[in-house]
């Protein structure tokens, strides 16, 4: 990680929400209208003035005077002007590989902090390759994966590391996240998967990037050789908890973000740190049945996305980009992630990260909203780094504190 550049001049805005007319964008705009400190200078941005006005009219009274910024995702001049006007851009406009690269570049060039909701390995890899040096020079923090992907994973491992370091327990070794959640699958997530599959189909050389466990490392050659670290593809009983477990839908992305965090920190988590993520389904016959069912549906869905003749059938039943559940469904959702780690000294730790609210919508709105406020308002308390970063390396304990204040469970204990 690099030290930040010189302090940027005062900006017109603290935060711009880009993509404010989309489903998740509207949730984040409402969250900021309700929770941002008084006096925070916020603007809404998107490609349609009329739609932005309708969104603003539906927000609480505190947002009725928020300025509106019109900028197409491929209009580089408009994006540069928007980036230069604000301290932070929080963007929900995806798939990011298709629509997000020009905005990330504009922020890196302008010294503007950036936060997104991507779950796309290929997008992050390109932003690292194309914009990291620019961002380090300008002082911009380009922070990817500031939602359910991958804040709980990234901050959960940070909590484990900090507790083990405080206790003198040594570096982390095998670390496993078990995820449980109630919520709908985001249409945006599906569209991002679709885009990444199409990119790989068009350029088979990208297969190596997608399946490389260290695909997002800042220095791939410096990573340790720990043998195969493939994401599990079958169901089995977890020896430590006795639960049936299986593949976690976002493990292929989250694990790369966590490993990038370790590398950006100079491998502080450990040179022999091994990390995986699994879905937990419970014990006994019911747990096994649920694990088989969910894993089977996941496998069939991925196969349908990757098979041209099956994709039209999948698209008919899958959530569409920009769609989302109603308020009652968003409020009744939840997630809980348990992260277990063993250290070089043999001591064991458990971190728990969880929250009420549909993880892909309600909880994600909190995570991206608080990430934007953290980058915009916490100033000199942020880690003195710049470049293409992860949530834990860009914001660390400040984001932990913010999320705890919003009711998130974020704990760690020795077991």
Protein backbone atom coordinates (compact mmCIF):
# COMPACT_ATOMS: atom_id res chain seq x y z
CA UNK A 1 0.00 0.00 0.00
CA UNK A 2 1.10 3.52 -0.68
CA UNK A 3 0.89 6.63 1.41
CA UNK A 4 -1.71 9.12 0.27
CA UNK A 5 -0.83 12.08 -1.88
CA UNK A 6 -1.34 15.74 -1.00
CA UNK A 7 -4.66 16.87 0.42
CA UNK A 8 -7.14 17.64 -2.33
CA UNK A 9 -8.81 21.06 -2.58
CA UNK A 10 -12.27 21.52 -1.09
CA UNK A 11 -14.95 19.84 -3.19
CA UNK A 12 -18.53 20.90 -3.85
CA UNK A 13 -19.93 17.63 -2.44
CA UNK A 14 -18.96 15.09 0.19
CA UNK A 15 -20.74 12.14 -1.48
CA UNK A 16 -22.30 11.53 -4.88
CA UNK A 17 -24.51 8.46 -5.24
CA UNK A 18 -24.08 7.35 -8.85
CA UNK A 19 -26.84 5.09 -10.12
CA UNK A 20 -29.35 6.63 -7.73
CA UNK A 21 -32.30 5.74 -9.97
CA UNK A 22 -31.62 1.98 -9.77
CA UNK A 23 -33.17 -0.24 -7.12
CA UNK A 24 -30.12 -0.45 -4.85
CA UNK A 25 -29.16 3.14 -5.65
CA UNK A 26 -32.51 4.32 -4.32
CA UNK A 27 -32.02 2.31 -1.14
CA UNK A 28 -28.63 3.91 -0.56
CA UNK A 29 -29.99 7.39 -1.27
CA UNK A 30 -32.73 6.82 1.28
CA UNK A 31 -30.26 5.44 3.81
CA UNK A 32 -28.07 8.53 3.50
CA UNK A 33 -31.11 10.84 3.71
CA UNK A 34 -32.06 9.18 6.99
CA UNK A 35 -28.65 8.53 8.54
CA UNK A 36 -26.01 10.93 7.18
CA UNK A 37 -24.93 13.60 9.68
CA UNK A 38 -26.60 16.97 9.29
CA UNK A 39 -24.66 19.16 6.91
CA UNK A 40 -23.28 16.29 4.80
CA UNK A 41 -23.26 17.51 1.21
CA UNK A 42 -24.85 14.81 -0.93
CA UNK A 43 -25.83 14.74 -4.60
CA UNK A 44 -27.63 12.14 -6.72
CA UNK A 45 -26.28 11.16 -10.11
CA UNK A 46 -27.44 9.09 -13.06
CA UNK A 47 -28.19 9.32 -16.75
CA UNK A 48 -31.69 10.81 -16.59
CA UNK A 49 -32.64 14.16 -15.06
CA UNK A 50 -36.33 13.23 -14.96
CA UNK A 51 -35.73 9.94 -13.17
CA UNK A 52 -33.36 11.58 -10.71
CA UNK A 53 -35.99 14.17 -9.90
CA UNK A 54 -38.58 11.45 -9.26
CA UNK A 55 -36.18 9.61 -6.95
CA UNK A 56 -35.38 12.77 -5.02
CA UNK A 57 -39.08 13.63 -4.69
CA UNK A 58 -39.65 10.26 -3.01
CA UNK A 59 -36.94 10.74 -0.38
CA UNK A 60 -37.34 12.25 3.09
CA UNK A 61 -37.53 16.03 3.31
CA UNK A 62 -33.84 16.29 4.23
CA UNK A 63 -32.97 15.24 0.67
CA UNK A 64 -35.35 17.48 -1.29
CA UNK A 65 -32.66 20.08 -1.92
CA UNK A 66 -29.93 17.64 -2.95
CA UNK A 67 -28.36 18.61 -6.29
CA UNK A 68 -28.66 16.31 -9.29
CA UNK A 69 -25.83 15.38 -11.65
CA UNK A 70 -26.47 13.87 -15.08
CA UNK A 71 -23.68 11.66 -16.45
CA UNK A 72 -23.77 8.68 -18.80
CA UNK A 73 -21.55 5.75 -17.87
CA UNK A 74 -19.54 6.11 -21.11
CA UNK A 75 -19.30 9.92 -21.10
CA UNK A 76 -15.75 10.36 -19.89
CA UNK A 77 -15.86 14.16 -19.76
CA UNK A 78 -19.03 14.14 -17.66
CA UNK A 79 -17.59 11.49 -15.37
CA UNK A 80 -14.38 13.47 -14.88
CA UNK A 81 -16.37 16.60 -14.04
CA UNK A 82 -18.53 14.65 -11.60
CA UNK A 83 -15.53 13.03 -9.92
CA UNK A 84 -13.74 16.37 -9.56
CA UNK A 85 -16.75 17.87 -7.78
CA UNK A 86 -16.90 15.44 -4.85
CA UNK A 87 -14.82 13.77 -2.18
CA UNK A 88 -16.44 10.34 -2.75
CA UNK A 89 -18.42 8.63 -5.49
CA UNK A 90 -20.50 5.64 -4.34
CA UNK A 91 -21.59 3.74 -7.44
CA UNK A 92 -24.18 1.01 -7.93
CA UNK A 93 -23.95 1.00 -11.74
CA UNK A 94 -23.12 -2.50 -12.92
CA UNK A 95 -22.16 -4.87 -14.31
CA UNK A 96 -18.99 -3.02 -13.46
CA UNK A 97 -16.91 -4.71 -16.13
CA UNK A 98 -19.36 -3.33 -18.68
CA UNK A 99 -20.11 0.10 -17.20
CA UNK A 100 -17.68 0.83 -14.35
CA UNK A 101 -14.20 1.22 -15.81
CA UNK A 102 -14.47 4.86 -17.00
CA UNK A 103 -15.74 6.03 -13.61
CA UNK A 104 -12.99 4.23 -11.70
CA UNK A 105 -10.44 5.88 -14.00
CA UNK A 106 -12.04 9.33 -13.54
CA UNK A 107 -11.85 8.99 -9.76
CA UNK A 108 -8.26 7.73 -9.83
CA UNK A 109 -7.22 10.68 -11.98
CA UNK A 110 -9.12 13.23 -9.86
CA UNK A 111 -7.95 12.10 -6.42
CA UNK A 112 -11.57 11.20 -5.63
CA UNK A 113 -12.39 8.32 -3.32
CA UNK A 114 -14.57 5.61 -4.85
CA UNK A 115 -16.73 2.80 -3.44
CA UNK A 116 -18.71 0.18 -5.34
CA UNK A 117 -20.64 -3.08 -4.96
CA UNK A 118 -18.79 -5.21 -7.46
CA UNK A 119 -18.47 -8.97 -7.16
CA UNK A 120 -16.51 -9.30 -10.40
CA UNK A 121 -12.95 -10.62 -10.27
CA UNK A 122 -12.19 -9.52 -13.83
CA UNK A 123 -13.33 -5.95 -13.14
CA UNK A 124 -11.19 -5.60 -10.02
CA UNK A 125 -8.19 -7.10 -11.82
CA UNK A 126 -8.50 -4.55 -14.62
CA UNK A 127 -8.91 -1.63 -12.21
CA UNK A 128 -5.81 -2.75 -10.33
CA UNK A 129 -3.81 -3.04 -13.55
CA UNK A 130 -5.04 0.20 -15.11
CA UNK A 131 -5.71 2.58 -12.22
CA UNK A 132 -3.71 1.62 -9.12
CA UNK A 133 -0.67 3.74 -10.00
CA UNK A 134 -2.87 6.72 -10.91
CA UNK A 135 -4.77 6.47 -7.64
CA UNK A 136 -1.61 6.20 -5.55
CA UNK A 137 -0.27 9.32 -7.23
CA UNK A 138 -3.49 11.32 -6.81
CA UNK A 139 -4.25 10.09 -3.29
CA UNK A 140 -7.52 8.41 -4.30
CA UNK A 141 -8.81 5.40 -2.42
CA UNK A 142 -10.49 3.17 -5.01
CA UNK A 143 -12.38 0.74 -2.79
CA UNK A 144 -14.14 -2.17 -4.45
CA UNK A 145 -16.59 -4.65 -2.91
CA UNK A 146 -18.26 -2.45 -0.28
CA UNK A 147 -21.46 -4.47 0.11
CA UNK A 148 -22.39 -8.00 1.13
CA UNK A 149 -19.54 -8.76 -1.24
CA UNK A 150 -17.15 -8.45 0.50
CA UNK A 151 -17.40 -6.36 3.67
CA UNK A 152 -18.42 -9.15 6.12
CA UNK A 153 -15.68 -11.46 4.84
CA UNK A 154 -12.99 -8.81 4.72
CA UNK A 155 -13.71 -7.21 8.09
CA UNK A 156 -14.32 -10.58 9.76
CA UNK A 157 -10.81 -11.77 8.90
CA UNK A 158 -9.41 -8.40 10.00
CA UNK A 159 -11.03 -8.88 13.42
CA UNK A 160 -9.47 -12.35 13.72
CA UNK A 161 -6.04 -11.00 12.79
CA UNK A 162 -6.21 -8.08 15.21
CA UNK A 163 -7.31 -10.26 18.13
CA UNK A 164 -4.64 -12.90 17.45
CA UNK A 165 -1.99 -10.19 17.12
CA UNK A 166 -3.14 -8.54 20.36
CA UNK A 167 -2.93 -11.89 22.16
CA UNK A 168 0.49 -12.74 20.73
CA UNK A 169 -1.03 -15.89 19.22
CA UNK A 170 0.92 -15.72 15.97
CA UNK A 171 -0.21 -15.48 12.34
CA UNK A 172 -3.43 -17.04 11.08
CA UNK A 173 -3.39 -20.45 9.44
CA UNK A 174 -6.50 -22.30 8.25
CA UNK A 175 -9.48 -19.95 8.35
CA UNK A 176 -13.03 -20.90 7.30
CA UNK A 177 -16.12 -18.73 6.93
CA UNK A 178 -19.52 -20.42 7.29
CA UNK A 179 -22.35 -18.31 5.87
CA UNK A 180 -26.04 -18.45 6.65
CA UNK A 181 -28.55 -15.99 5.28
CA UNK A 182 -32.15 -15.27 4.41
CA UNK A 183 -32.61 -13.08 1.38
CA UNK A 184 -33.18 -12.89 -2.34
CA UNK A 185 -30.57 -13.24 -5.05
CA UNK A 186 -29.88 -9.87 -6.65
CA UNK A 187 -30.64 -9.40 -10.33
CA UNK A 188 -27.53 -7.25 -10.50
CA UNK A 189 -25.40 -10.09 -9.14
CA UNK A 190 -26.79 -12.41 -11.79
CA UNK A 191 -26.13 -9.85 -14.52
CA UNK A 192 -22.54 -9.46 -13.30
CA UNK A 193 -22.06 -13.24 -13.44
CA UNK A 194 -23.52 -13.27 -16.93
CA UNK A 195 -21.11 -10.56 -18.07
CA UNK A 196 -18.08 -12.31 -16.59
CA UNK A 197 -19.04 -15.60 -18.23
CA UNK A 198 -19.35 -13.83 -21.58
CA UNK A 199 -15.93 -12.23 -21.15
CA UNK A 200 -14.33 -15.59 -20.42
CA UNK A 201 -16.10 -17.16 -23.39
CA UNK A 202 -14.72 -14.45 -25.65
CA UNK A 203 -11.18 -14.72 -24.26
CA UNK A 204 -10.27 -18.13 -22.89
CA UNK A 205 -7.04 -16.76 -21.43
CA UNK A 206 -9.20 -15.17 -18.73
CA UNK A 207 -10.09 -18.62 -17.36
CA UNK A 208 -6.72 -18.69 -15.61
CA UNK A 209 -7.48 -15.35 -13.92
CA UNK A 210 -10.97 -16.35 -12.78
CA UNK A 211 -9.79 -19.63 -11.20
CA UNK A 212 -6.56 -18.31 -9.68
CA UNK A 213 -7.05 -18.04 -5.88
CA UNK A 214 -4.59 -15.12 -5.90
CA UNK A 215 -6.07 -13.43 -8.97
CA UNK A 216 -6.25 -10.06 -7.21
CA UNK A 217 -2.83 -10.11 -5.58
CA UNK A 218 -0.73 -6.97 -6.13
CA UNK A 219 2.27 -9.25 -6.71
CA UNK A 220 1.25 -12.73 -7.82
CA UNK A 221 4.82 -14.07 -7.86
CA UNK A 222 5.25 -13.19 -4.18
CA UNK A 223 2.31 -15.29 -3.01
CA UNK A 224 3.05 -18.48 -1.07
CA UNK A 225 2.59 -21.86 -2.69
CA UNK A 226 0.08 -23.54 -0.38
CA UNK A 227 -1.04 -26.20 -2.81
CA UNK A 228 -4.54 -26.37 -4.28
CA UNK A 229 -6.95 -23.81 -2.82
CA UNK A 230 -9.98 -24.57 -4.92
CA UNK A 231 -13.41 -23.52 -3.69
CA UNK A 232 -15.33 -26.67 -2.65
CA UNK A 233 -17.94 -27.81 -5.16
CA UNK A 234 -19.65 -30.58 -3.17
CA UNK A 235 -21.48 -30.93 0.13
CA UNK A 236 -19.90 -32.50 3.21
CA UNK A 237 -20.01 -32.41 7.00
CA UNK A 238 -17.77 -29.76 8.55
CA UNK A 239 -15.58 -31.58 11.08
CA UNK A 240 -15.47 -28.70 13.56
CA UNK A 241 -19.15 -27.75 13.72
CA UNK A 242 -20.89 -30.94 12.60
CA UNK A 243 -22.95 -28.99 10.09
CA UNK A 244 -23.60 -29.90 6.49
CA UNK A 245 -21.84 -27.36 4.32
CA UNK A 246 -21.48 -26.67 0.62
CA UNK A 247 -20.37 -24.03 -1.88
CA UNK A 248 -21.04 -20.38 -1.01
CA UNK A 249 -22.21 -18.47 -4.06
CA UNK A 250 -19.80 -15.55 -3.57
CA UNK A 251 -16.77 -17.47 -2.29
CA UNK A 252 -14.96 -17.26 -5.62
CA UNK A 253 -14.92 -13.47 -5.27
CA UNK A 254 -14.79 -12.87 -1.52
CA UNK A 255 -11.80 -15.15 -0.99
CA UNK A 256 -9.80 -13.22 -3.58
CA UNK A 257 -10.60 -9.92 -1.84
CA UNK A 258 -9.49 -11.29 1.55
CA UNK A 259 -6.25 -12.64 0.06
CA UNK A 260 -5.65 -9.26 -1.59
CA UNK A 261 -6.07 -7.60 1.81
CA UNK A 262 -3.45 -9.92 3.28
CA UNK A 263 -1.01 -9.10 0.47
CA UNK A 264 -1.63 -5.34 0.70
CA UNK A 265 -0.82 -5.59 4.41
CA UNK A 266 2.50 -7.26 3.69
CA UNK A 267 1.02 -10.69 4.53
CA UNK A 268 0.35 -9.63 8.12
CA UNK A 269 -2.36 -12.31 8.38
CA UNK A 270 0.35 -14.88 7.73
CA UNK A 271 2.48 -16.31 4.95
CA UNK A 272 0.68 -19.63 5.44
CA UNK A 273 -2.81 -18.11 5.71
CA UNK A 274 -5.34 -20.38 3.98
CA UNK A 275 -8.89 -19.10 3.56
CA UNK A 276 -12.13 -20.58 2.30
CA UNK A 277 -15.86 -19.79 2.46
CA UNK A 278 -18.78 -22.23 2.69
CA UNK A 279 -22.54 -22.11 3.10
CA UNK A 280 -23.83 -23.75 6.29
CA UNK A 281 -27.10 -25.72 6.18
CA UNK A 282 -27.50 -27.25 9.63
CA UNK A 283 -27.07 -30.74 11.05
CA UNK A 284 -28.65 -34.11 10.47
CA UNK A 285 -30.98 -35.21 7.71
CA UNK A 286 -32.60 -31.79 7.29
CA UNK A 287 -29.22 -30.12 6.93
CA UNK A 288 -28.10 -32.68 4.36
CA UNK A 289 -31.31 -32.35 2.35
CA UNK A 290 -31.09 -28.57 2.32
CA UNK A 291 -27.40 -28.65 1.37
CA UNK A 292 -28.10 -31.00 -1.54
CA UNK A 293 -31.04 -28.94 -2.76
CA UNK A 294 -29.38 -25.51 -2.59
CA UNK A 295 -26.10 -26.75 -4.04
CA UNK A 296 -27.93 -28.52 -6.86
CA UNK A 297 -29.91 -25.41 -7.76
CA UNK A 298 -26.74 -23.32 -7.66
CA UNK A 299 -24.92 -25.73 -9.95
CA UNK A 300 -27.79 -25.87 -12.43
CA UNK A 301 -28.09 -22.07 -12.44
CA UNK A 302 -24.41 -21.60 -13.23
CA UNK A 303 -24.63 -24.21 -15.97
CA UNK A 304 -27.66 -22.47 -17.46
CA UNK A 305 -25.87 -19.11 -17.41
CA UNK A 306 -22.85 -20.61 -19.16
CA UNK A 307 -24.84 -22.53 -21.82
CA UNK A 308 -26.20 -20.35 -24.65
CA UNK A 309 -29.17 -22.58 -25.42
CA UNK A 310 -30.21 -22.72 -21.74
CA UNK A 311 -29.65 -19.09 -20.83
CA UNK A 312 -32.93 -17.75 -22.32
CA UNK A 313 -34.88 -20.15 -20.08
CA UNK A 314 -32.89 -19.09 -17.03
CA UNK A 315 -33.38 -15.41 -17.86
CA UNK A 316 -37.16 -15.87 -17.83
CA UNK A 317 -37.22 -16.91 -14.17
CA UNK A 318 -34.20 -15.07 -12.73
CA UNK A 319 -34.50 -11.64 -11.10
CA UNK A 320 -33.85 -8.81 -13.54
CA UNK A 321 -31.25 -6.05 -12.98
CA UNK A 322 -32.90 -3.15 -11.21
CA UNK A 323 -35.53 -5.35 -9.57
CA UNK A 324 -35.69 -6.17 -5.90
CA UNK A 325 -37.90 -7.40 -3.06
CA UNK A 326 -40.50 -5.32 -1.27
CA UNK A 327 -39.91 -3.52 2.01
CA UNK A 328 -41.27 -6.36 4.17
CA UNK A 329 -38.99 -8.93 2.51
CA UNK A 330 -35.98 -6.64 2.82
CA UNK A 331 -36.63 -6.10 6.51
CA UNK A 332 -37.21 -9.78 7.31
CA UNK A 333 -33.94 -10.92 5.74
CA UNK A 334 -30.71 -11.44 7.69
CA UNK A 335 -27.22 -12.86 7.48
CA UNK A 336 -24.75 -14.39 9.91
CA UNK A 337 -21.18 -15.33 9.11
CA UNK A 338 -19.00 -17.32 11.51
CA UNK A 339 -15.27 -17.26 10.83
CA UNK A 340 -13.08 -19.80 12.61
CA UNK A 341 -9.28 -19.59 12.56
CA UNK A 342 -6.34 -21.44 14.05
CA UNK A 343 -3.05 -19.64 14.58
CA UNK A 344 0.55 -20.81 14.40
CA UNK A 345 0.57 -21.19 18.19
CA UNK A 346 -2.45 -23.48 18.05
CA UNK A 347 -4.90 -21.02 19.56
CA UNK A 348 -8.36 -20.84 17.99
CA UNK A 349 -10.61 -17.85 17.42
CA UNK A 350 -14.18 -17.24 16.31
CA UNK A 351 -15.41 -14.03 14.67
CA UNK A 352 -19.10 -13.39 14.00
CA UNK A 353 -20.40 -10.84 11.50
CA UNK A 354 -24.13 -10.46 11.01
CA UNK A 355 -27.01 -8.07 10.56
CA UNK A 356 -30.75 -7.84 10.15
CA UNK A 357 -32.03 -7.06 6.67
CA UNK A 358 -31.82 -8.77 3.30
CA UNK A 359 -28.06 -9.08 2.78
CA UNK A 360 -28.05 -8.09 -0.89
CA UNK A 361 -30.32 -5.09 -0.45
CA UNK A 362 -31.07 -3.68 3.03
CA UNK A 363 -27.77 -4.68 4.66
CA UNK A 364 -25.79 -3.78 1.55
CA UNK A 365 -27.33 -0.29 1.56
CA UNK A 366 -25.98 0.18 5.08
CA UNK A 367 -22.54 -1.15 4.15
CA UNK A 368 -22.09 1.00 1.05
CA UNK A 369 -23.68 4.02 2.72
CA UNK A 370 -21.37 3.81 5.73
CA UNK A 371 -18.37 3.15 3.48
CA UNK A 372 -19.10 6.35 1.57
CA UNK A 373 -19.52 8.36 4.78
CA UNK A 374 -16.36 6.84 6.22
CA UNK A 375 -14.30 7.82 3.17
CA UNK A 376 -15.87 11.28 3.02
CA UNK A 377 -15.99 12.32 6.67
CA UNK A 378 -13.38 10.39 8.63
CA UNK A 379 -10.50 12.21 6.96
CA UNK A 380 -7.16 11.95 8.74
CA UNK A 381 -8.35 8.99 10.84
CA UNK A 382 -8.38 6.76 7.77
CA UNK A 383 -5.36 4.53 7.14
CA UNK A 384 -2.70 6.60 5.30
CA UNK A 385 -2.97 4.64 2.05
CA UNK A 386 -4.09 5.16 -1.53
CA UNK A 387 -4.56 3.04 -4.62
CA UNK A 388 -6.98 0.24 -5.46
CA UNK A 389 -7.89 -1.06 -2.02
CA UNK A 390 -10.22 -3.40 -0.15
CA UNK A 391 -12.67 -2.34 2.58
CA UNK A 392 -10.36 -3.54 5.38
CA UNK A 393 -7.23 -1.86 4.00
CA UNK A 394 -8.96 1.42 3.11
CA UNK A 395 -11.15 1.85 6.20
CA UNK A 396 -10.44 -0.98 8.64
CA UNK A 397 -11.61 -0.43 12.21
CA UNK A 398 -13.34 2.85 11.36
CA UNK A 399 -15.81 0.95 9.18
CA UNK A 400 -16.18 -1.71 11.88
CA UNK A 401 -17.14 1.01 14.35
CA UNK A 402 -19.62 2.56 11.93
CA UNK A 403 -21.35 -0.73 11.21
CA UNK A 404 -21.54 -1.64 14.90
CA UNK A 405 -23.22 1.71 15.49
CA UNK A 406 -25.86 0.69 12.93
CA UNK A 407 -26.64 -2.56 14.74
CA UNK A 408 -24.28 -4.98 13.00
CA UNK A 409 -22.90 -7.84 15.05
CA UNK A 410 -19.10 -7.80 14.76
CA UNK A 411 -17.44 -9.81 17.51
CA UNK A 412 -14.35 -11.96 18.02
CA UNK A 413 -13.45 -14.35 20.84
CA UNK A 414 -10.99 -17.11 21.62
CA UNK A 415 -12.49 -20.60 21.63
